[in-house]
């Protein structure tokens, strides 16, 4: 069974931006967006983000950095939901405002570059993504120093770009460098540490080195469940890929309950038509076929095909 990495680089790498001098109502809305995002309540967060954008436009005008912040945050939420057509122009507009207002080497510009790069990475436009990630990394290292957590974020996402293309030799040292930064600065139980543990585990799993991968997967999962709650989409990602590793080794008894739990989380948090739900249905169908449950497998594959047919 194929092990698939689903959106983890995306989920961690997004940066919700806060303005330093915000209107009180706008600032409260931004905090509400952050809370809803962390709870996986993306539809509710979009409603609040749209309201925050309206307030920013009204209070400071369409070319102000606060408007770019609201555009970025709304784009992020669409992106997480898989609505790339809505997300891309919002990212592009927010980036243009930041570059004009703050200058091309401001750290906030690096945030916009990072988020747009991840969208391109998700769409398979790796050349564009690499250029944007590389530019963001240069900006952050210059502005913040080589051991800053925001530098680790870019290192992680650039490593993920190489990983998804099978360039493990370039990916591994970047993952390890970002992991070392996060453990040093944030401590061993921070969700950012879990992200890099997971990504490094995926790198080893994709190379068949399961002995290295399993303890990294389980440590990452424990950190995320404690920090984010047991029903967060990031937890579902780790569950699904740990299940995939077990299934690939033929340990279906361990894999099945993890696949089912991941599917339930994604259906609840992202909706029944999200691409992650299709991924999960296909993975569970593969396990059913491997264990000679053809009828159940066919039903899940039909559900997944219906989701795949939806135009995004």
Protein backbone atom coordinates (compact mmCIF):
# COMPACT_ATOMS: atom_id res chain seq x y z
CA UNK A 1 0.00 0.00 0.00
CA UNK A 2 1.32 3.38 -0.89
CA UNK A 3 2.18 5.68 1.97
CA UNK A 4 0.94 9.18 1.25
CA UNK A 5 1.93 12.40 2.96
CA UNK A 6 -1.17 14.57 3.13
CA UNK A 7 -0.80 18.30 3.63
CA UNK A 8 1.45 18.23 6.65
CA UNK A 9 3.92 20.63 5.16
CA UNK A 10 0.98 22.76 4.31
CA UNK A 11 -0.65 22.56 7.69
CA UNK A 12 2.37 23.67 9.65
CA UNK A 13 3.95 26.05 7.22
CA UNK A 14 1.04 28.45 6.94
CA UNK A 15 1.61 31.62 8.89
CA UNK A 16 -1.36 33.48 10.26
CA UNK A 17 -0.16 37.07 10.59
CA UNK A 18 -1.02 39.54 13.31
CA UNK A 19 -0.71 43.30 12.84
CA UNK A 20 1.18 45.22 15.50
CA UNK A 21 -1.32 48.09 15.66
CA UNK A 22 -4.75 46.67 15.03
CA UNK A 23 -8.19 48.08 15.49
CA UNK A 24 -9.59 46.39 18.59
CA UNK A 25 -12.48 44.68 16.79
CA UNK A 26 -10.16 43.54 13.98
CA UNK A 27 -7.61 42.23 16.48
CA UNK A 28 -10.30 40.28 18.34
CA UNK A 29 -11.48 38.76 15.06
CA UNK A 30 -7.92 37.74 14.18
CA UNK A 31 -7.58 35.93 17.49
CA UNK A 32 -10.89 34.19 16.84
CA UNK A 33 -9.59 33.06 13.43
CA UNK A 34 -6.48 31.64 15.09
CA UNK A 35 -8.55 29.77 17.67
CA UNK A 36 -10.92 28.32 15.07
CA UNK A 37 -8.02 27.29 12.84
CA UNK A 38 -6.30 25.47 15.69
CA UNK A 39 -9.57 23.68 16.44
CA UNK A 40 -9.94 22.63 12.79
CA UNK A 41 -13.14 24.69 12.41
CA UNK A 42 -12.24 26.03 8.98
CA UNK A 43 -15.69 26.97 7.68
CA UNK A 44 -16.40 29.05 10.76
CA UNK A 45 -12.95 30.61 10.51
CA UNK A 46 -13.63 31.67 6.90
CA UNK A 47 -16.76 33.54 7.97
CA UNK A 48 -14.78 35.42 10.61
CA UNK A 49 -11.87 36.04 8.23
CA UNK A 50 -14.18 37.62 5.65
CA UNK A 51 -15.53 39.95 8.30
CA UNK A 52 -11.99 40.88 9.38
CA UNK A 53 -11.11 41.68 5.76
CA UNK A 54 -14.16 43.94 5.42
CA UNK A 55 -13.22 45.83 8.58
CA UNK A 56 -9.59 46.25 7.50
CA UNK A 57 -10.62 47.59 4.09
CA UNK A 58 -13.02 50.04 5.70
CA UNK A 59 -10.67 51.25 8.43
CA UNK A 60 -7.30 51.55 6.67
CA UNK A 61 -7.87 51.25 2.92
CA UNK A 62 -7.12 48.50 0.38
CA UNK A 63 -3.33 49.02 0.16
CA UNK A 64 -2.58 48.86 3.88
CA UNK A 65 -0.56 45.93 5.35
CA UNK A 66 -3.50 45.09 7.63
CA UNK A 67 -5.56 44.31 4.54
CA UNK A 68 -2.74 42.07 3.30
CA UNK A 69 -2.82 40.27 6.66
CA UNK A 70 -6.54 39.60 6.32
CA UNK A 71 -6.14 38.50 2.70
CA UNK A 72 -3.37 36.09 3.71
CA UNK A 73 -5.37 34.59 6.53
CA UNK A 74 -8.45 34.10 4.36
CA UNK A 75 -6.29 32.53 1.63
CA UNK A 76 -4.75 30.16 4.15
CA UNK A 77 -8.15 28.88 5.20
CA UNK A 78 -9.28 28.28 1.62
CA UNK A 79 -5.98 26.54 0.92
CA UNK A 80 -6.34 24.19 3.87
CA UNK A 81 -9.82 23.28 2.61
CA UNK A 82 -8.40 22.50 -0.84
CA UNK A 83 -10.03 25.50 -2.56
CA UNK A 84 -6.92 26.59 -4.45
CA UNK A 85 -8.76 28.73 -6.98
CA UNK A 86 -9.99 30.97 -4.16
CA UNK A 87 -6.68 30.93 -2.29
CA UNK A 88 -4.16 31.82 -5.01
CA UNK A 89 -5.39 35.34 -5.95
CA UNK A 90 -5.74 36.23 -2.26
CA UNK A 91 -2.16 35.15 -1.57
CA UNK A 92 -0.90 37.03 -4.62
CA UNK A 93 -2.70 40.23 -3.70
CA UNK A 94 -1.53 40.11 -0.07
CA UNK A 95 2.07 39.56 -1.19
CA UNK A 96 1.92 42.50 -3.59
CA UNK A 97 0.61 44.80 -0.84
CA UNK A 98 3.32 43.75 1.60
CA UNK A 99 6.11 44.16 -0.94
CA UNK A 100 4.91 47.65 -1.84
CA UNK A 101 4.26 48.82 1.72
CA UNK A 102 7.10 47.15 3.61
CA UNK A 103 9.79 46.51 0.99
CA UNK A 104 10.84 43.28 -0.74
CA UNK A 105 13.10 42.03 2.10
CA UNK A 106 10.74 42.45 5.04
CA UNK A 107 10.16 39.28 7.11
CA UNK A 108 6.40 39.52 6.53
CA UNK A 109 7.07 39.31 2.78
CA UNK A 110 8.79 36.01 3.49
CA UNK A 111 5.55 34.79 5.06
CA UNK A 112 3.63 35.61 1.90
CA UNK A 113 6.26 33.92 -0.25
CA UNK A 114 6.16 30.82 1.96
CA UNK A 115 2.39 30.47 1.83
CA UNK A 116 2.14 30.97 -1.92
CA UNK A 117 5.03 28.51 -2.40
CA UNK A 118 3.14 25.87 -0.45
CA UNK A 119 0.10 26.31 -2.63
CA UNK A 120 2.26 25.76 -5.73
CA UNK A 121 3.88 22.76 -4.05
CA UNK A 122 0.46 21.23 -3.40
CA UNK A 123 -0.47 21.76 -7.05
CA UNK A 124 2.76 20.12 -8.22
CA UNK A 125 4.28 23.34 -9.56
CA UNK A 126 7.63 22.56 -7.95
CA UNK A 127 9.77 24.99 -9.93
CA UNK A 128 7.71 27.99 -8.84
CA UNK A 129 7.53 26.69 -5.28
CA UNK A 130 11.29 26.22 -4.98
CA UNK A 131 12.00 29.76 -6.18
CA UNK A 132 9.61 31.26 -3.63
CA UNK A 133 10.80 29.07 -0.74
CA UNK A 134 14.43 29.91 -1.53
CA UNK A 135 13.72 33.64 -1.60
CA UNK A 136 11.80 33.40 1.68
CA UNK A 137 14.70 31.52 3.30
CA UNK A 138 17.22 34.20 2.28
CA UNK A 139 14.99 36.96 3.67
CA UNK A 140 14.44 35.23 6.99
CA UNK A 141 18.06 34.21 7.54
CA UNK A 142 19.17 37.79 6.84
CA UNK A 143 16.54 39.39 9.03
CA UNK A 144 16.26 36.89 11.89
CA UNK A 145 19.46 34.84 11.97
CA UNK A 146 20.11 31.24 10.98
CA UNK A 147 18.71 29.66 14.17
CA UNK A 148 15.34 31.40 14.35
CA UNK A 149 12.15 29.25 14.43
CA UNK A 150 10.79 31.07 11.37
CA UNK A 151 13.90 29.99 9.47
CA UNK A 152 13.17 26.42 10.60
CA UNK A 153 9.70 26.71 9.08
CA UNK A 154 11.12 27.51 5.65
CA UNK A 155 13.77 24.80 5.96
CA UNK A 156 11.02 22.30 6.78
CA UNK A 157 8.87 23.33 3.83
CA UNK A 158 11.76 23.39 1.37
CA UNK A 159 12.75 19.92 2.60
CA UNK A 160 9.18 18.82 2.01
CA UNK A 161 9.36 20.09 -1.54
CA UNK A 162 12.44 17.97 -2.19
CA UNK A 163 10.93 15.00 -0.36
CA UNK A 164 7.77 14.92 -2.47
CA UNK A 165 9.96 14.84 -5.58
CA UNK A 166 11.98 11.91 -4.19
CA UNK A 167 15.12 13.98 -3.64
CA UNK A 168 15.80 12.52 -0.20
CA UNK A 169 19.47 13.47 -0.10
CA UNK A 170 18.59 17.17 -0.24
CA UNK A 171 15.56 16.81 2.04
CA UNK A 172 17.08 14.93 5.00
CA UNK A 173 19.67 17.53 6.15
CA UNK A 174 17.09 20.33 5.89
CA UNK A 175 14.60 18.38 8.02
CA UNK A 176 17.32 17.64 10.59
CA UNK A 177 18.45 21.27 10.71
CA UNK A 178 14.90 22.56 11.22
CA UNK A 179 14.24 19.90 13.88
CA UNK A 180 17.38 20.92 15.79
CA UNK A 181 16.33 24.58 15.74
CA UNK A 182 12.82 23.85 16.99
CA UNK A 183 13.94 21.49 19.76
CA UNK A 184 16.49 24.04 20.97
CA UNK A 185 14.24 27.08 20.87
CA UNK A 186 10.76 25.66 21.58
CA UNK A 187 11.44 22.52 23.60
CA UNK A 188 10.98 18.83 22.77
CA UNK A 189 7.17 18.76 23.12
CA UNK A 190 6.19 21.69 20.91
CA UNK A 191 3.88 21.02 17.91
CA UNK A 192 6.55 22.40 15.57
CA UNK A 193 8.90 19.66 16.76
CA UNK A 194 6.18 17.11 16.03
CA UNK A 195 5.88 18.42 12.48
CA UNK A 196 9.52 17.81 11.70
CA UNK A 197 9.56 14.46 13.49
CA UNK A 198 6.65 13.41 11.30
CA UNK A 199 8.28 14.68 8.12
CA UNK A 200 11.55 12.96 8.89
CA UNK A 201 9.60 9.78 9.67
CA UNK A 202 7.89 10.03 6.28
CA UNK A 203 11.25 10.44 4.57
CA UNK A 204 12.54 7.23 6.18
CA UNK A 205 9.28 5.36 5.54
CA UNK A 206 9.32 6.24 1.86
CA UNK A 207 12.82 4.77 1.69
CA UNK A 208 11.69 1.59 3.49
CA UNK A 209 13.60 2.33 6.70
CA UNK A 210 10.69 1.52 9.01
CA UNK A 211 12.84 0.94 12.08
CA UNK A 212 13.82 4.63 11.99
CA UNK A 213 10.39 5.82 10.95
CA UNK A 214 8.12 4.21 13.57
CA UNK A 215 9.49 5.87 16.75
CA UNK A 216 9.45 9.25 15.02
CA UNK A 217 5.82 8.76 13.92
CA UNK A 218 4.67 7.71 17.39
CA UNK A 219 6.50 10.57 19.14
CA UNK A 220 5.05 13.11 16.70
CA UNK A 221 1.55 11.72 17.16
CA UNK A 222 1.76 11.90 20.96
CA UNK A 223 2.92 15.53 20.85
CA UNK A 224 0.14 16.59 18.47
CA UNK A 225 -2.63 14.81 20.36
CA UNK A 226 -1.57 16.58 23.55
CA UNK A 227 -1.08 20.00 21.97
CA UNK A 228 -3.90 20.11 19.39
CA UNK A 229 -6.46 17.64 20.69
CA UNK A 230 -7.34 14.15 19.44
CA UNK A 231 -9.60 15.34 16.57
CA UNK A 232 -7.36 17.89 14.85
CA UNK A 233 -6.60 17.35 11.12
CA UNK A 234 -2.87 17.24 11.83
CA UNK A 235 -3.49 14.27 14.12
CA UNK A 236 -5.40 12.58 11.30
CA UNK A 237 -2.40 13.06 9.01
CA UNK A 238 -0.09 11.28 11.44
CA UNK A 239 -2.61 8.51 12.08
CA UNK A 240 -3.06 7.89 8.37
CA UNK A 241 0.60 7.66 7.59
CA UNK A 242 1.46 5.52 10.59
CA UNK A 243 -1.36 3.23 9.45
CA UNK A 244 0.06 3.25 5.94
CA UNK A 245 3.44 2.15 7.21
CA UNK A 246 1.90 -0.73 9.17
CA UNK A 247 -0.22 -1.77 6.18
CA UNK A 248 2.78 -1.72 3.87
CA UNK A 249 4.48 -4.18 6.23
CA UNK A 250 1.34 -6.36 6.30
CA UNK A 251 0.35 -5.49 9.87
CA UNK A 252 -3.29 -4.84 8.98
CA UNK A 253 -4.57 -5.30 12.53
CA UNK A 254 -2.60 -2.24 13.64
CA UNK A 255 -3.34 -0.27 10.49
CA UNK A 256 -7.14 -0.57 10.24
CA UNK A 257 -8.23 1.30 13.40
CA UNK A 258 -5.77 4.11 12.62
CA UNK A 259 -7.12 4.52 9.07
CA UNK A 260 -10.69 4.58 10.39
CA UNK A 261 -9.90 7.15 13.05
CA UNK A 262 -8.14 9.40 10.53
CA UNK A 263 -11.12 9.16 8.15
CA UNK A 264 -13.56 10.14 10.89
CA UNK A 265 -11.48 13.18 11.85
CA UNK A 266 -11.17 14.45 8.27
CA UNK A 267 -14.87 13.98 7.54
CA UNK A 268 -15.75 15.93 10.68
CA UNK A 269 -13.24 18.78 10.31
CA UNK A 270 -12.86 19.19 6.54
CA UNK A 271 -16.20 17.94 5.26
CA UNK A 272 -17.14 14.77 3.35
CA UNK A 273 -15.95 16.07 -0.05
CA UNK A 274 -12.40 17.13 0.83
CA UNK A 275 -9.51 15.50 -1.10
CA UNK A 276 -8.06 14.23 2.20
CA UNK A 277 -11.25 12.24 2.72
CA UNK A 278 -10.76 10.67 -0.72
CA UNK A 279 -7.17 9.80 0.18
CA UNK A 280 -8.34 8.17 3.39
CA UNK A 281 -11.13 6.22 1.70
CA UNK A 282 -8.69 4.88 -0.90
CA UNK A 283 -6.19 3.87 1.76
CA UNK A 284 -8.81 2.00 3.75
CA UNK A 285 -10.14 0.39 0.55
CA UNK A 286 -6.64 -0.85 -0.19
CA UNK A 287 -6.49 -2.48 3.22
CA UNK A 288 -9.87 -4.12 2.64
CA UNK A 289 -8.70 -5.55 -0.67
CA UNK A 290 -5.52 -6.82 0.95
CA UNK A 291 -7.67 -8.62 3.54
CA UNK A 292 -10.14 -9.99 0.95
CA UNK A 293 -13.07 -7.70 1.74
CA UNK A 294 -13.84 -6.81 -1.85
CA UNK A 295 -17.39 -5.52 -1.38
CA UNK A 296 -16.39 -3.04 1.32
CA UNK A 297 -13.40 -1.94 -0.74
CA UNK A 298 -15.52 -1.25 -3.80
CA UNK A 299 -17.94 0.88 -1.80
CA UNK A 300 -15.15 3.05 -0.43
CA UNK A 301 -13.51 3.40 -3.85
CA UNK A 302 -16.81 4.58 -5.32
CA UNK A 303 -17.09 7.25 -2.61
CA UNK A 304 -13.53 8.37 -3.31
CA UNK A 305 -14.16 8.53 -7.06
CA UNK A 306 -17.16 10.78 -6.50
CA UNK A 307 -14.99 13.18 -4.47
CA UNK A 308 -12.22 13.12 -7.08
CA UNK A 309 -14.75 14.08 -9.77
CA UNK A 310 -15.65 17.34 -8.03
CA UNK A 311 -14.20 20.36 -9.86
CA UNK A 312 -12.14 22.56 -7.54
